[in-house]
PDB file of all heavy atoms in Angstrom:
ATOM      1  N   ALA A   1       0.927   2.381  68.973  1.00  0.00           N
ATOM      2  CA  ALA A   1       0.981   2.484  67.503  1.00  0.00           C
ATOM      3  C   ALA A   1      -0.334   3.024  67.013  1.00  0.00           C
ATOM      4  O   ALA A   1      -1.458   2.435  67.319  1.00  0.00           O
ATOM      5  CB  ALA A   1       1.271   1.065  67.019  1.00  0.00           C
ATOM      6  N   GLU A   2      -0.325   4.065  66.136  1.00  0.00           N
ATOM      7  CA  GLU A   2      -1.495   4.585  65.608  1.00  0.00           C
ATOM      8  C   GLU A   2      -2.219   3.585  64.828  1.00  0.00           C
ATOM      9  O   GLU A   2      -3.447   3.616  64.769  1.00  0.00           O
ATOM     10  CB  GLU A   2      -1.152   5.842  64.718  1.00  0.00           C
ATOM     11  CG  GLU A   2      -2.373   6.602  64.221  1.00  0.00           C
ATOM     12  CD  GLU A   2      -1.971   7.865  63.509  1.00  0.00           C
ATOM     13  OE1 GLU A   2      -0.731   8.185  63.560  1.00  0.00           O
ATOM     14  OE2 GLU A   2      -2.872   8.481  62.851  1.00  0.00           O
ATOM     15  N   LYS A   3      -1.608   2.729  64.023  1.00  0.00           N
ATOM     16  CA  LYS A   3      -2.113   1.813  63.211  1.00  0.00           C
ATOM     17  C   LYS A   3      -3.062   0.657  63.969  1.00  0.00           C
ATOM     18  O   LYS A   3      -4.041   0.331  63.502  1.00  0.00           O
ATOM     19  CB  LYS A   3      -1.184   1.128  62.350  1.00  0.00           C
ATOM     20  CG  LYS A   3      -0.227   0.186  63.054  1.00  0.00           C
ATOM     21  CD  LYS A   3       0.619  -0.620  61.988  1.00  0.00           C
ATOM     22  CE  LYS A   3       1.685  -1.491  62.778  1.00  0.00           C
ATOM     23  NZ  LYS A   3       2.442  -2.307  61.846  1.00  0.00           N
ATOM     24  N   ILE A   4      -2.625   0.562  65.198  1.00  0.00           N
ATOM     25  CA  ILE A   4      -3.361  -0.372  66.077  1.00  0.00           C
ATOM     26  C   ILE A   4      -4.644   0.300  66.535  1.00  0.00           C
ATOM     27  O   ILE A   4      -5.745  -0.279  66.555  1.00  0.00           O
ATOM     28  CB  ILE A   4      -2.566  -0.743  67.314  1.00  0.00           C
ATOM     29  CG1 ILE A   4      -1.324  -1.638  66.860  1.00  0.00           C
ATOM     30  CG2 ILE A   4      -3.421  -1.531  68.312  1.00  0.00           C
ATOM     31  CD1 ILE A   4      -1.779  -2.981  66.388  1.00  0.00           C
ATOM     32  N   ARG A   5      -4.584   1.543  66.933  1.00  0.00           N
ATOM     33  CA  ARG A   5      -5.753   2.343  67.252  1.00  0.00           C
ATOM     34  C   ARG A   5      -6.700   2.498  66.046  1.00  0.00           C
ATOM     35  O   ARG A   5      -7.906   2.328  66.415  1.00  0.00           O
ATOM     36  CB  ARG A   5      -5.284   3.731  67.835  1.00  0.00           C
ATOM     37  CG  ARG A   5      -4.361   3.664  69.136  1.00  0.00           C
ATOM     38  CD  ARG A   5      -4.322   5.057  69.717  1.00  0.00           C
ATOM     39  NE  ARG A   5      -3.802   6.045  68.874  1.00  0.00           N
ATOM     40  CZ  ARG A   5      -2.367   6.370  68.786  1.00  0.00           C
ATOM     41  NH1 ARG A   5      -1.586   5.699  69.502  1.00  0.00           N
ATOM     42  NH2 ARG A   5      -2.032   7.393  68.018  1.00  0.00           N
ATOM     43  N   GLU A   6      -6.117   2.618  64.918  1.00  0.00           N
ATOM     44  CA  GLU A   6      -7.147   2.721  63.827  1.00  0.00           C
ATOM     45  C   GLU A   6      -7.837   1.323  63.495  1.00  0.00           C
ATOM     46  O   GLU A   6      -8.926   1.258  63.229  1.00  0.00           O
ATOM     47  CB  GLU A   6      -6.333   3.094  62.594  1.00  0.00           C
ATOM     48  CG  GLU A   6      -5.813   4.564  62.646  1.00  0.00           C
ATOM     49  CD  GLU A   6      -4.986   4.929  61.378  1.00  0.00           C
ATOM     50  OE1 GLU A   6      -4.549   3.932  60.603  1.00  0.00           O
ATOM     51  OE2 GLU A   6      -4.556   6.135  61.298  1.00  0.00           O
ATOM     52  N   GLU A   7      -7.002   0.267  63.746  1.00  0.00           N
ATOM     53  CA  GLU A   7      -7.506  -1.112  63.525  1.00  0.00           C
ATOM     54  C   GLU A   7      -8.667  -1.397  64.523  1.00  0.00           C
ATOM     55  O   GLU A   7      -9.741  -1.993  64.237  1.00  0.00           O
ATOM     56  CB  GLU A   7      -6.485  -2.159  63.727  1.00  0.00           C
ATOM     57  CG  GLU A   7      -7.005  -3.537  63.454  1.00  0.00           C
ATOM     58  CD  GLU A   7      -6.002  -4.609  63.364  1.00  0.00           C
ATOM     59  OE1 GLU A   7      -4.824  -4.260  63.651  1.00  0.00           O
ATOM     60  OE2 GLU A   7      -6.291  -5.851  63.211  1.00  0.00           O
ATOM     61  N   ILE A   8      -8.373  -0.916  65.838  1.00  0.00           N
ATOM     62  CA  ILE A   8      -9.620  -0.999  66.805  1.00  0.00           C
ATOM     63  C   ILE A   8     -10.816  -0.374  66.355  1.00  0.00           C
ATOM     64  O   ILE A   8     -11.932  -0.963  66.397  1.00  0.00           O
ATOM     65  CB  ILE A   8      -9.127  -0.588  68.217  1.00  0.00           C
ATOM     66  CG1 ILE A   8      -8.053  -1.422  68.742  1.00  0.00           C
ATOM     67  CG2 ILE A   8     -10.213  -0.343  69.080  1.00  0.00           C
ATOM     68  CD1 ILE A   8      -7.438  -0.945  70.058  1.00  0.00           C
ATOM     69  N   GLY A   9     -10.722   0.880  65.828  1.00  0.00           N
ATOM     70  CA  GLY A   9     -11.944   1.506  65.398  1.00  0.00           C
ATOM     71  C   GLY A   9     -12.617   0.792  64.320  1.00  0.00           C
ATOM     72  O   GLY A   9     -13.876   0.594  64.241  1.00  0.00           O
ATOM     73  N   GLN A  10     -11.816   0.285  63.358  1.00  0.00           N
ATOM     74  CA  GLN A  10     -12.388  -0.475  62.200  1.00  0.00           C
ATOM     75  C   GLN A  10     -13.079  -1.783  62.643  1.00  0.00           C
ATOM     76  O   GLN A  10     -14.124  -2.162  62.286  1.00  0.00           O
ATOM     77  CB  GLN A  10     -11.266  -0.837  61.232  1.00  0.00           C
ATOM     78  CG  GLN A  10     -10.652   0.411  60.520  1.00  0.00           C
ATOM     79  CD  GLN A  10      -9.377  -0.027  59.753  1.00  0.00           C
ATOM     80  OE1 GLN A  10      -9.027  -1.060  59.757  1.00  0.00           O
ATOM     81  NE2 GLN A  10      -8.838   1.094  59.002  1.00  0.00           N
ATOM     82  N   ARG A  11     -12.436  -2.503  63.602  1.00  0.00           N
ATOM     83  CA  ARG A  11     -13.022  -3.761  64.071  1.00  0.00           C
ATOM     84  C   ARG A  11     -14.360  -3.499  64.874  1.00  0.00           C
ATOM     85  O   ARG A  11     -15.341  -4.270  64.766  1.00  0.00           O
ATOM     86  CB  ARG A  11     -12.042  -4.465  64.968  1.00  0.00           C
ATOM     87  CG  ARG A  11     -10.852  -5.090  64.208  1.00  0.00           C
ATOM     88  CD  ARG A  11      -9.889  -5.783  65.203  1.00  0.00           C
ATOM     89  NE  ARG A  11      -8.938  -6.598  64.489  1.00  0.00           N
ATOM     90  CZ  ARG A  11      -9.073  -7.941  64.209  1.00  0.00           C
ATOM     91  NH1 ARG A  11     -10.194  -8.479  64.549  1.00  0.00           N
ATOM     92  NH2 ARG A  11      -8.154  -8.458  63.512  1.00  0.00           N
ATOM     93  N   LEU A  12     -14.364  -2.302  65.691  1.00  0.00           N
ATOM     94  CA  LEU A  12     -15.575  -2.028  66.435  1.00  0.00           C
ATOM     95  C   LEU A  12     -16.843  -1.725  65.470  1.00  0.00           C
ATOM     96  O   LEU A  12     -17.854  -2.194  65.657  1.00  0.00           O
ATOM     97  CB  LEU A  12     -15.288  -0.830  67.365  1.00  0.00           C
ATOM     98  CG  LEU A  12     -14.490  -1.183  68.594  1.00  0.00           C
ATOM     99  CD1 LEU A  12     -14.073   0.195  69.319  1.00  0.00           C
ATOM    100  CD2 LEU A  12     -15.199  -2.059  69.538  1.00  0.00           C
ATOM    101  N   ARG A  13     -16.405  -0.961  64.369  1.00  0.00           N
ATOM    102  CA  ARG A  13     -17.493  -0.622  63.452  1.00  0.00           C
ATOM    103  C   ARG A  13     -17.909  -1.869  62.650  1.00  0.00           C
ATOM    104  O   ARG A  13     -19.093  -1.942  62.140  1.00  0.00           O
ATOM    105  CB  ARG A  13     -16.991   0.447  62.476  1.00  0.00           C
ATOM    106  CG  ARG A  13     -16.784   1.924  63.124  1.00  0.00           C
ATOM    107  CD  ARG A  13     -16.565   2.857  62.099  1.00  0.00           C
ATOM    108  NE  ARG A  13     -15.032   2.765  61.630  1.00  0.00           N
ATOM    109  CZ  ARG A  13     -14.034   3.318  62.225  1.00  0.00           C
ATOM    110  NH1 ARG A  13     -14.227   4.001  63.352  1.00  0.00           N
ATOM    111  NH2 ARG A  13     -12.890   3.231  61.715  1.00  0.00           N
ATOM    112  N   SER A  14     -17.109  -2.900  62.645  1.00  0.00           N
ATOM    113  CA  SER A  14     -17.434  -4.119  61.872  1.00  0.00           C
ATOM    114  C   SER A  14     -18.258  -5.129  62.843  1.00  0.00           C
ATOM    115  O   SER A  14     -18.724  -6.193  62.278  1.00  0.00           O
ATOM    116  CB  SER A  14     -16.277  -4.755  61.414  1.00  0.00           C
ATOM    117  OG  SER A  14     -15.611  -4.104  60.499  1.00  0.00           O
ATOM    118  N   GLY A  15     -18.342  -4.682  64.114  1.00  0.00           N
ATOM    119  CA  GLY A  15     -19.156  -5.471  65.074  1.00  0.00           C
ATOM    120  C   GLY A  15     -18.224  -6.445  65.894  1.00  0.00           C
ATOM    121  O   GLY A  15     -18.826  -7.309  66.629  1.00  0.00           O
ATOM    122  N   ASP A  16     -16.881  -6.375  65.728  1.00  0.00           N
ATOM    123  CA  ASP A  16     -16.048  -7.283  66.543  1.00  0.00           C
ATOM    124  C   ASP A  16     -16.050  -6.849  68.022  1.00  0.00           C
ATOM    125  O   ASP A  16     -16.327  -5.635  68.269  1.00  0.00           O
ATOM    126  CB  ASP A  16     -14.614  -7.268  66.064  1.00  0.00           C
ATOM    127  CG  ASP A  16     -14.542  -7.812  64.713  1.00  0.00           C
ATOM    128  OD1 ASP A  16     -15.517  -8.287  64.086  1.00  0.00           O
ATOM    129  OD2 ASP A  16     -13.346  -7.774  64.023  1.00  0.00           O
ATOM    130  N   ARG A  17     -15.816  -7.848  68.869  1.00  0.00           N
ATOM    131  CA  ARG A  17     -15.570  -7.416  70.278  1.00  0.00           C
ATOM    132  C   ARG A  17     -14.042  -7.214  70.463  1.00  0.00           C
ATOM    133  O   ARG A  17     -13.207  -7.915  69.993  1.00  0.00           O
ATOM    134  CB  ARG A  17     -15.994  -8.563  71.215  1.00  0.00           C
ATOM    135  CG  ARG A  17     -17.389  -8.993  71.192  1.00  0.00           C
ATOM    136  CD  ARG A  17     -18.343  -7.881  71.690  1.00  0.00           C
ATOM    137  NE  ARG A  17     -18.344  -7.854  73.097  1.00  0.00           N
ATOM    138  CZ  ARG A  17     -19.151  -8.482  73.929  1.00  0.00           C
ATOM    139  NH1 ARG A  17     -20.078  -9.223  73.471  1.00  0.00           N
ATOM    140  NH2 ARG A  17     -19.090  -8.322  75.179  1.00  0.00           N
ATOM    141  N   VAL A  18     -13.719  -6.090  71.109  1.00  0.00           N
ATOM    142  CA  VAL A  18     -12.339  -5.707  71.279  1.00  0.00           C
ATOM    143  C   VAL A  18     -11.984  -5.495  72.779  1.00  0.00           C
ATOM    144  O   VAL A  18     -12.683  -4.870  73.496  1.00  0.00           O
ATOM    145  CB  VAL A  18     -12.040  -4.266  70.475  1.00  0.00           C
ATOM    146  CG1 VAL A  18     -10.701  -3.813  70.830  1.00  0.00           C
ATOM    147  CG2 VAL A  18     -12.361  -4.421  69.087  1.00  0.00           C
ATOM    148  N   PHE A  19     -10.812  -6.045  73.036  1.00  0.00           N
ATOM    149  CA  PHE A  19     -10.356  -5.975  74.551  1.00  0.00           C
ATOM    150  C   PHE A  19      -8.888  -5.695  74.525  1.00  0.00           C
ATOM    151  O   PHE A  19      -8.076  -6.194  73.689  1.00  0.00           O
ATOM    152  CB  PHE A  19     -10.511  -7.381  75.229  1.00  0.00           C
ATOM    153  CG  PHE A  19     -12.013  -7.842  75.210  1.00  0.00           C
ATOM    154  CD1 PHE A  19     -12.571  -8.489  74.160  1.00  0.00           C
ATOM    155  CD2 PHE A  19     -12.862  -7.517  76.330  1.00  0.00           C
ATOM    156  CE1 PHE A  19     -13.934  -8.842  74.203  1.00  0.00           C
ATOM    157  CE2 PHE A  19     -14.078  -7.906  76.314  1.00  0.00           C
ATOM    158  CZ  PHE A  19     -14.617  -8.587  75.197  1.00  0.00           C
ATOM    159  N   ILE A  20      -8.442  -4.922  75.446  1.00  0.00           N
ATOM    160  CA  ILE A  20      -7.078  -4.661  75.832  1.00  0.00           C
ATOM    161  C   ILE A  20      -6.695  -5.180  77.092  1.00  0.00           C
ATOM    162  O   ILE A  20      -7.699  -5.244  78.009  1.00  0.00           O
ATOM    163  CB  ILE A  20      -6.677  -3.201  75.561  1.00  0.00           C
ATOM    164  CG1 ILE A  20      -7.445  -2.369  76.570  1.00  0.00           C
ATOM    165  CG2 ILE A  20      -6.935  -2.692  74.230  1.00  0.00           C
ATOM    166  CD1 ILE A  20      -7.021  -0.901  76.697  1.00  0.00           C
ATOM    167  N   TYR A  21      -5.551  -5.631  77.300  1.00  0.00           N
ATOM    168  CA  TYR A  21      -5.180  -6.097  78.728  1.00  0.00           C
ATOM    169  C   TYR A  21      -3.854  -5.410  79.133  1.00  0.00           C
ATOM    170  O   TYR A  21      -3.015  -5.114  78.456  1.00  0.00           O
ATOM    171  CB  TYR A  21      -5.086  -7.664  78.730  1.00  0.00           C
ATOM    172  CG  TYR A  21      -4.022  -8.305  77.961  1.00  0.00           C
ATOM    173  CD1 TYR A  21      -2.783  -8.585  78.428  1.00  0.00           C
ATOM    174  CD2 TYR A  21      -4.297  -8.670  76.627  1.00  0.00           C
ATOM    175  CE1 TYR A  21      -1.821  -9.179  77.686  1.00  0.00           C
ATOM    176  CE2 TYR A  21      -3.472  -9.322  75.845  1.00  0.00           C
ATOM    177  CZ  TYR A  21      -2.091  -9.533  76.430  1.00  0.00           C
ATOM    178  OH  TYR A  21      -1.167 -10.244  75.626  1.00  0.00           O
ATOM    179  N   PHE A  22      -3.908  -5.197  80.569  1.00  0.00           N
ATOM    180  CA  PHE A  22      -2.689  -4.600  81.197  1.00  0.00           C
ATOM    181  C   PHE A  22      -2.118  -5.544  82.100  1.00  0.00           C
ATOM    182  O   PHE A  22      -2.848  -6.391  82.814  1.00  0.00           O
ATOM    183  CB  PHE A  22      -3.210  -3.402  82.103  1.00  0.00           C
ATOM    184  CG  PHE A  22      -3.683  -2.116  81.335  1.00  0.00           C
ATOM    185  CD1 PHE A  22      -5.055  -2.183  80.758  1.00  0.00           C
ATOM    186  CD2 PHE A  22      -2.850  -1.054  81.079  1.00  0.00           C
ATOM    187  CE1 PHE A  22      -5.551  -1.086  80.204  1.00  0.00           C
ATOM    188  CE2 PHE A  22      -3.401   0.041  80.381  1.00  0.00           C
ATOM    189  CZ  PHE A  22      -4.659   0.034  79.875  1.00  0.00           C
ATOM    190  N   ASP A  23      -0.807  -5.563  82.154  1.00  0.00           N
ATOM    191  CA  ASP A  23       0.015  -6.278  83.134  1.00  0.00           C
ATOM    192  C   ASP A  23       1.346  -5.430  83.455  1.00  0.00           C
ATOM    193  O   ASP A  23       1.549  -4.466  82.673  1.00  0.00           O
ATOM    194  CB  ASP A  23       0.127  -7.727  82.935  1.00  0.00           C
ATOM    195  CG  ASP A  23       1.658  -8.097  82.547  1.00  0.00           C
ATOM    196  OD1 ASP A  23       2.128  -7.395  81.649  1.00  0.00           O
ATOM    197  OD2 ASP A  23       2.066  -8.965  83.057  1.00  0.00           O
ATOM    198  N   GLU A  24       2.160  -5.981  84.437  1.00  0.00           N
ATOM    199  CA  GLU A  24       3.353  -5.124  84.709  1.00  0.00           C
ATOM    200  C   GLU A  24       4.118  -4.697  83.605  1.00  0.00           C
ATOM    201  O   GLU A  24       4.678  -3.599  83.524  1.00  0.00           O
ATOM    202  CB  GLU A  24       4.116  -5.959  85.730  1.00  0.00           C
ATOM    203  CG  GLU A  24       5.253  -5.185  86.308  1.00  0.00           C
ATOM    204  CD  GLU A  24       6.096  -6.011  87.355  1.00  0.00           C
ATOM    205  OE1 GLU A  24       5.699  -7.171  87.523  1.00  0.00           O
ATOM    206  OE2 GLU A  24       7.005  -5.505  87.930  1.00  0.00           O
ATOM    207  N   LYS A  25       4.334  -5.614  82.577  1.00  0.00           N
ATOM    208  CA  LYS A  25       5.289  -5.435  81.392  1.00  0.00           C
ATOM    209  C   LYS A  25       4.539  -5.122  80.213  1.00  0.00           C
ATOM    210  O   LYS A  25       5.171  -4.881  79.215  1.00  0.00           O
ATOM    211  CB  LYS A  25       6.163  -6.624  81.261  1.00  0.00           C
ATOM    212  CG  LYS A  25       7.035  -6.984  82.441  1.00  0.00           C
ATOM    213  CD  LYS A  25       8.006  -5.987  82.906  1.00  0.00           C
ATOM    214  CE  LYS A  25       8.808  -6.278  84.054  1.00  0.00           C
ATOM    215  NZ  LYS A  25       9.722  -5.179  84.481  1.00  0.00           N
ATOM    216  N   LEU A  26       3.211  -5.038  80.185  1.00  0.00           N
ATOM    217  CA  LEU A  26       2.481  -4.848  78.920  1.00  0.00           C
ATOM    218  C   LEU A  26       1.481  -3.785  79.084  1.00  0.00           C
ATOM    219  O   LEU A  26       0.295  -3.885  78.738  1.00  0.00           O
ATOM    220  CB  LEU A  26       1.670  -6.280  78.658  1.00  0.00           C
ATOM    221  CG  LEU A  26       2.627  -7.404  78.365  1.00  0.00           C
ATOM    222  CD1 LEU A  26       1.873  -8.749  78.232  1.00  0.00           C
ATOM    223  CD2 LEU A  26       3.472  -7.250  77.115  1.00  0.00           C
ATOM    224  N   GLY A  27       1.908  -2.663  79.650  1.00  0.00           N
ATOM    225  CA  GLY A  27       1.005  -1.437  79.757  1.00  0.00           C
ATOM    226  C   GLY A  27       0.915  -0.992  81.246  1.00  0.00           C
ATOM    227  O   GLY A  27       0.314   0.087  81.444  1.00  0.00           O
TER     228      GLY A  27
END
């Protein structure tokens, strides 16, 4: 989802820590 990618950029610029996780059914 493009809006999720945009939100990640906004959070990083705000100083938040951002993590994504992979598993068999989730990426």
